[in-house]
Amino acid sequence: MSTQMQQLYQQVILDHSRSRIGNAALLREGAAGPHGSSHQINPTCGDEIELETEISDDGAIAVRWSGDGCSISMASASVLSELASENSVEGMLDIEAKFHELMHSRGTIVGDEEILGDAAAFSGVSKFPARIKCALLSWVAFKDALNQAQSSLKE
């Protein structure tokens, strides 16, 4: 990856860390549609996130979260929220799988911006094992909350 691309990706992460998308008051059981919530902590560095998902009748996903942590974990939650607002459940499951693959690549693959959007900016993070958990924290919470929401659809 070129130095110019690395700088652009770093700027995307910083921008999302400062202007957090989806960082809002949580509903706490007030959701109208099927929903789930998950609280995750990264014990290594103390990053923490609580994330809610809600699935609307048309299959759209709303993600809200609150958290405290490093710029990587907060930016990752912001990017995830932005992507969720633009995708269906199926689309987000594909994106989530691709993001996990990217994070476990140890820098051997570059994120596909067509699929991952701004999440591709975390390509460089995958080279630093100690930071991978920071980037994945909100995605683990999302997958857990989404599973809960989908389970409540089946009931």
C-alpha atoms as a PDB file:
ATOM      1  CA  MET A   1       0.000   0.000   0.000  1.00  0.00           C
ATOM      2  CA  SER A   2       1.382   3.399  -0.942  1.00  0.00           C
ATOM      3  CA  THR A   3       2.268   6.012   1.660  1.00  0.00           C
ATOM      4  CA  GLN A   4      -0.352   8.308   0.169  1.00  0.00           C
ATOM      5  CA  MET A   5      -3.049   5.638   0.596  1.00  0.00           C
ATOM      6  CA  GLN A   6      -1.957   4.974   4.181  1.00  0.00           C
ATOM      7  CA  GLN A   7      -2.266   8.681   4.973  1.00  0.00           C
ATOM      8  CA  LEU A   8      -5.733   8.802   3.426  1.00  0.00           C
ATOM      9  CA  TYR A   9      -6.825   5.765   5.441  1.00  0.00           C
ATOM     10  CA  GLN A  10      -5.415   7.292   8.648  1.00  0.00           C
ATOM     11  CA  GLN A  11      -7.410  10.452   7.940  1.00  0.00           C
ATOM     12  CA  VAL A  12     -10.612   8.443   7.444  1.00  0.00           C
ATOM     13  CA  ILE A  13     -10.095   6.778  10.836  1.00  0.00           C
ATOM     14  CA  LEU A  14      -9.392  10.112  12.540  1.00  0.00           C
ATOM     15  CA  ASP A  15     -12.438  11.728  10.924  1.00  0.00           C
ATOM     16  CA  HIS A  16     -14.744   8.927  12.065  1.00  0.00           C
ATOM     17  CA  SER A  17     -13.224   9.029  15.544  1.00  0.00           C
ATOM     18  CA  ARG A  18     -13.977  12.753  15.848  1.00  0.00           C
ATOM     19  CA  SER A  19     -17.392  12.827  14.122  1.00  0.00           C
ATOM     20  CA  ARG A  20     -18.950   9.593  15.314  1.00  0.00           C
ATOM     21  CA  ILE A  21     -21.868   8.224  13.321  1.00  0.00           C
ATOM     22  CA  GLY A  22     -24.407   6.217  15.312  1.00  0.00           C
ATOM     23  CA  ASN A  23     -23.091   7.373  18.686  1.00  0.00           C
ATOM     24  CA  ALA A  24     -26.466   8.135  20.239  1.00  0.00           C
ATOM     25  CA  ALA A  25     -28.664   7.478  23.222  1.00  0.00           C
ATOM     26  CA  LEU A  26     -29.578   3.814  23.464  1.00  0.00           C
ATOM     27  CA  LEU A  27     -33.244   2.819  23.490  1.00  0.00           C
ATOM     28  CA  ARG A  28     -33.117   0.355  26.382  1.00  0.00           C
ATOM     29  CA  GLU A  29     -36.016  -1.876  25.343  1.00  0.00           C
ATOM     30  CA  GLY A  30     -37.920   0.965  23.611  1.00  0.00           C
ATOM     31  CA  ALA A  31     -37.340  -0.313  20.077  1.00  0.00           C
ATOM     32  CA  ALA A  32     -40.388  -0.647  17.853  1.00  0.00           C
ATOM     33  CA  GLY A  33     -39.075  -3.572  15.805  1.00  0.00           C
ATOM     34  CA  PRO A  34     -36.959  -6.643  16.441  1.00  0.00           C
ATOM     35  CA  HIS A  35     -33.836  -5.556  18.252  1.00  0.00           C
ATOM     36  CA  GLY A  36     -30.820  -6.756  20.169  1.00  0.00           C
ATOM     37  CA  SER A  37     -28.071  -5.262  22.271  1.00  0.00           C
ATOM     38  CA  SER A  38     -24.562  -6.220  23.232  1.00  0.00           C
ATOM     39  CA  HIS A  39     -22.011  -4.884  25.682  1.00  0.00           C
ATOM     40  CA  GLN A  40     -18.382  -5.667  24.843  1.00  0.00           C
ATOM     41  CA  ILE A  41     -15.118  -4.817  26.601  1.00  0.00           C
ATOM     42  CA  ASN A  42     -11.571  -5.162  25.348  1.00  0.00           C
ATOM     43  CA  PRO A  43      -9.767  -6.141  28.576  1.00  0.00           C
ATOM     44  CA  THR A  44      -6.364  -5.522  26.991  1.00  0.00           C
ATOM     45  CA  CYS A  45      -6.830  -1.772  26.659  1.00  0.00           C
ATOM     46  CA  GLY A  46     -10.147  -0.971  28.359  1.00  0.00           C
ATOM     47  CA  ASP A  47     -12.142  -0.046  25.244  1.00  0.00           C
ATOM     48  CA  GLU A  48     -15.847  -0.523  25.880  1.00  0.00           C
ATOM     49  CA  ILE A  49     -18.954  -0.378  23.710  1.00  0.00           C
ATOM     50  CA  GLU A  50     -22.647  -0.966  24.087  1.00  0.00           C
ATOM     51  CA  LEU A  51     -24.401  -1.395  20.768  1.00  0.00           C
ATOM     52  CA  GLU A  52     -28.027  -1.870  19.732  1.00  0.00           C
ATOM     53  CA  THR A  53     -29.465  -3.035  16.444  1.00  0.00           C
ATOM     54  CA  GLU A  54     -33.037  -2.752  15.274  1.00  0.00           C
ATOM     55  CA  ILE A  55     -34.441  -4.379  12.151  1.00  0.00           C
ATOM     56  CA  SER A  56     -37.294  -2.574  10.414  1.00  0.00           C
ATOM     57  CA  ASP A  57     -40.097  -4.255   8.472  1.00  0.00           C
ATOM     58  CA  ASP A  58     -38.331  -3.571   5.177  1.00  0.00           C
ATOM     59  CA  GLY A  59     -35.105  -5.258   6.384  1.00  0.00           C
ATOM     60  CA  ALA A  60     -33.176  -2.056   7.067  1.00  0.00           C
ATOM     61  CA  ILE A  61     -30.874  -2.005  10.090  1.00  0.00           C
ATOM     62  CA  ALA A  62     -30.499   0.799  12.590  1.00  0.00           C
ATOM     63  CA  VAL A  63     -27.384   0.775  14.770  1.00  0.00           C
ATOM     64  CA  ARG A  64     -26.908   2.931  17.846  1.00  0.00           C
ATOM     65  CA  TRP A  65     -23.992   2.724  20.200  1.00  0.00           C
ATOM     66  CA  SER A  66     -22.228   4.382  23.064  1.00  0.00           C
ATOM     67  CA  GLY A  67     -18.690   3.706  24.077  1.00  0.00           C
ATOM     68  CA  ASP A  68     -15.359   4.877  25.254  1.00  0.00           C
ATOM     69  CA  GLY A  69     -11.997   3.903  23.892  1.00  0.00           C
ATOM     70  CA  CYS A  70      -9.196   4.595  21.477  1.00  0.00           C
ATOM     71  CA  SER A  71      -9.675   6.303  18.135  1.00  0.00           C
ATOM     72  CA  ILE A  72      -9.537   2.954  16.315  1.00  0.00           C
ATOM     73  CA  SER A  73     -12.379   1.371  18.292  1.00  0.00           C
ATOM     74  CA  MET A  74     -14.577   4.477  18.146  1.00  0.00           C
ATOM     75  CA  ALA A  75     -13.920   5.020  14.433  1.00  0.00           C
ATOM     76  CA  SER A  76     -14.690   1.375  13.726  1.00  0.00           C
ATOM     77  CA  ALA A  77     -18.070   1.682  15.477  1.00  0.00           C
ATOM     78  CA  SER A  78     -18.805   4.827  13.486  1.00  0.00           C
ATOM     79  CA  VAL A  79     -17.938   3.149  10.177  1.00  0.00           C
ATOM     80  CA  LEU A  80     -20.048   0.120  11.078  1.00  0.00           C
ATOM     81  CA  SER A  81     -23.035   2.379  11.863  1.00  0.00           C
ATOM     82  CA  GLU A  82     -22.668   4.220   8.574  1.00  0.00           C
ATOM     83  CA  LEU A  83     -22.479   0.967   6.611  1.00  0.00           C
ATOM     84  CA  ALA A  84     -25.512  -0.476   8.436  1.00  0.00           C
ATOM     85  CA  SER A  85     -27.605   2.545   7.491  1.00  0.00           C
ATOM     86  CA  GLU A  86     -26.804   1.884   3.823  1.00  0.00           C
ATOM     87  CA  ASN A  87     -27.239  -1.922   3.734  1.00  0.00           C
ATOM     88  CA  SER A  88     -29.681  -4.744   4.382  1.00  0.00           C
ATOM     89  CA  VAL A  89     -29.147  -7.491   6.951  1.00  0.00           C
ATOM     90  CA  GLU A  90     -27.718  -9.766   4.251  1.00  0.00           C
ATOM     91  CA  GLY A  91     -25.423  -7.010   2.994  1.00  0.00           C
ATOM     92  CA  MET A  92     -24.131  -6.313   6.487  1.00  0.00           C
ATOM     93  CA  LEU A  93     -23.457  -9.984   7.144  1.00  0.00           C
ATOM     94  CA  ASP A  94     -21.318 -10.049   4.004  1.00  0.00           C
ATOM     95  CA  ILE A  95     -19.526  -6.849   5.020  1.00  0.00           C
ATOM     96  CA  GLU A  96     -18.990  -8.150   8.553  1.00  0.00           C
ATOM     97  CA  ALA A  97     -17.423 -11.369   7.208  1.00  0.00           C
ATOM     98  CA  LYS A  98     -15.147  -9.417   4.855  1.00  0.00           C
ATOM     99  CA  PHE A  99     -14.101  -7.068   7.671  1.00  0.00           C
ATOM    100  CA  HIS A 100     -13.192 -10.017   9.920  1.00  0.00           C
ATOM    101  CA  GLU A 101     -11.201 -11.541   7.062  1.00  0.00           C
ATOM    102  CA  LEU A 102      -9.378  -8.232   6.577  1.00  0.00           C
ATOM    103  CA  MET A 103      -8.592  -7.879  10.281  1.00  0.00           C
ATOM    104  CA  HIS A 104      -7.160 -11.390  10.478  1.00  0.00           C
ATOM    105  CA  SER A 105      -5.067 -10.983   7.315  1.00  0.00           C
ATOM    106  CA  ARG A 106      -2.050  -9.502   9.155  1.00  0.00           C
ATOM    107  CA  GLY A 107      -1.774  -6.936   6.375  1.00  0.00           C
ATOM    108  CA  THR A 108      -1.582  -9.479   3.561  1.00  0.00           C
ATOM    109  CA  ILE A 109      -4.782  -8.235   1.870  1.00  0.00           C
ATOM    110  CA  VAL A 110      -6.117  -4.773   1.169  1.00  0.00           C
ATOM    111  CA  GLY A 111      -9.751  -4.101   1.955  1.00  0.00           C
ATOM    112  CA  ASP A 112     -12.112  -3.915  -1.011  1.00  0.00           C
ATOM    113  CA  GLU A 113     -13.567  -0.392  -0.886  1.00  0.00           C
ATOM    114  CA  GLU A 114     -16.463  -1.484  -3.128  1.00  0.00           C
ATOM    115  CA  ILE A 115     -17.674  -3.824  -0.376  1.00  0.00           C
ATOM    116  CA  LEU A 116     -16.205  -2.332   2.803  1.00  0.00           C
ATOM    117  CA  GLY A 117     -16.506   1.389   2.091  1.00  0.00           C
ATOM    118  CA  ASP A 118     -14.663   3.326   4.810  1.00  0.00           C
ATOM    119  CA  ALA A 119     -13.993   0.058   6.681  1.00  0.00           C
ATOM    120  CA  ALA A 120     -11.261  -0.605   4.104  1.00  0.00           C
ATOM    121  CA  ALA A 121      -9.304   2.130   5.899  1.00  0.00           C
ATOM    122  CA  PHE A 122      -8.558  -0.381   8.666  1.00  0.00           C
ATOM    123  CA  SER A 123      -6.304  -2.432   6.351  1.00  0.00           C
ATOM    124  CA  GLY A 124      -3.202  -1.059   8.074  1.00  0.00           C
ATOM    125  CA  VAL A 125      -4.585  -1.890  11.522  1.00  0.00           C
ATOM    126  CA  SER A 126      -4.511  -5.595  10.645  1.00  0.00           C
ATOM    127  CA  LYS A 127      -0.690  -5.464  10.772  1.00  0.00           C
ATOM    128  CA  PHE A 128      -0.777  -4.735  14.512  1.00  0.00           C
ATOM    129  CA  PRO A 129      -2.161  -7.665  16.529  1.00  0.00           C
ATOM    130  CA  ALA A 130      -2.692  -5.542  19.634  1.00  0.00           C
ATOM    131  CA  ARG A 131      -4.954  -3.158  17.675  1.00  0.00           C
ATOM    132  CA  ILE A 132      -7.065  -5.770  15.874  1.00  0.00           C
ATOM    133  CA  LYS A 133      -9.265  -6.276  18.939  1.00  0.00           C
ATOM    134  CA  CYS A 134      -9.871  -2.518  19.047  1.00  0.00           C
ATOM    135  CA  ALA A 135     -11.099  -2.499  15.461  1.00  0.00           C
ATOM    136  CA  LEU A 136     -13.238  -5.624  15.925  1.00  0.00           C
ATOM    137  CA  LEU A 137     -14.903  -4.667  19.220  1.00  0.00           C
ATOM    138  CA  SER A 138     -17.967  -2.991  17.706  1.00  0.00           C
ATOM    139  CA  TRP A 139     -18.247  -5.646  14.998  1.00  0.00           C
ATOM    140  CA  VAL A 140     -18.418  -8.412  17.633  1.00  0.00           C
ATOM    141  CA  ALA A 141     -21.089  -6.406  19.454  1.00  0.00           C
ATOM    142  CA  PHE A 142     -22.956  -5.877  16.177  1.00  0.00           C
ATOM    143  CA  LYS A 143     -22.954  -9.581  15.308  1.00  0.00           C
ATOM    144  CA  ASP A 144     -24.224 -10.470  18.796  1.00  0.00           C
ATOM    145  CA  ALA A 145     -26.958  -7.800  18.751  1.00  0.00           C
ATOM    146  CA  LEU A 146     -27.999  -8.729  15.212  1.00  0.00           C
ATOM    147  CA  ASN A 147     -28.284 -12.413  16.188  1.00  0.00           C
ATOM    148  CA  GLN A 148     -30.562 -11.393  19.062  1.00  0.00           C
ATOM    149  CA  ALA A 149     -32.708  -9.250  16.752  1.00  0.00           C
ATOM    150  CA  GLN A 150     -32.973 -12.048  14.200  1.00  0.00           C
ATOM    151  CA  SER A 151     -33.908 -14.518  16.960  1.00  0.00           C
ATOM    152  CA  SER A 152     -36.729 -12.263  18.103  1.00  0.00           C
ATOM    153  CA  LEU A 153     -38.022 -12.226  14.493  1.00  0.00           C
ATOM    154  CA  LYS A 154     -38.432 -16.024  14.649  1.00  0.00           C
ATOM    155  CA  GLU A 155     -40.385 -15.999  17.915  1.00  0.00           C
END
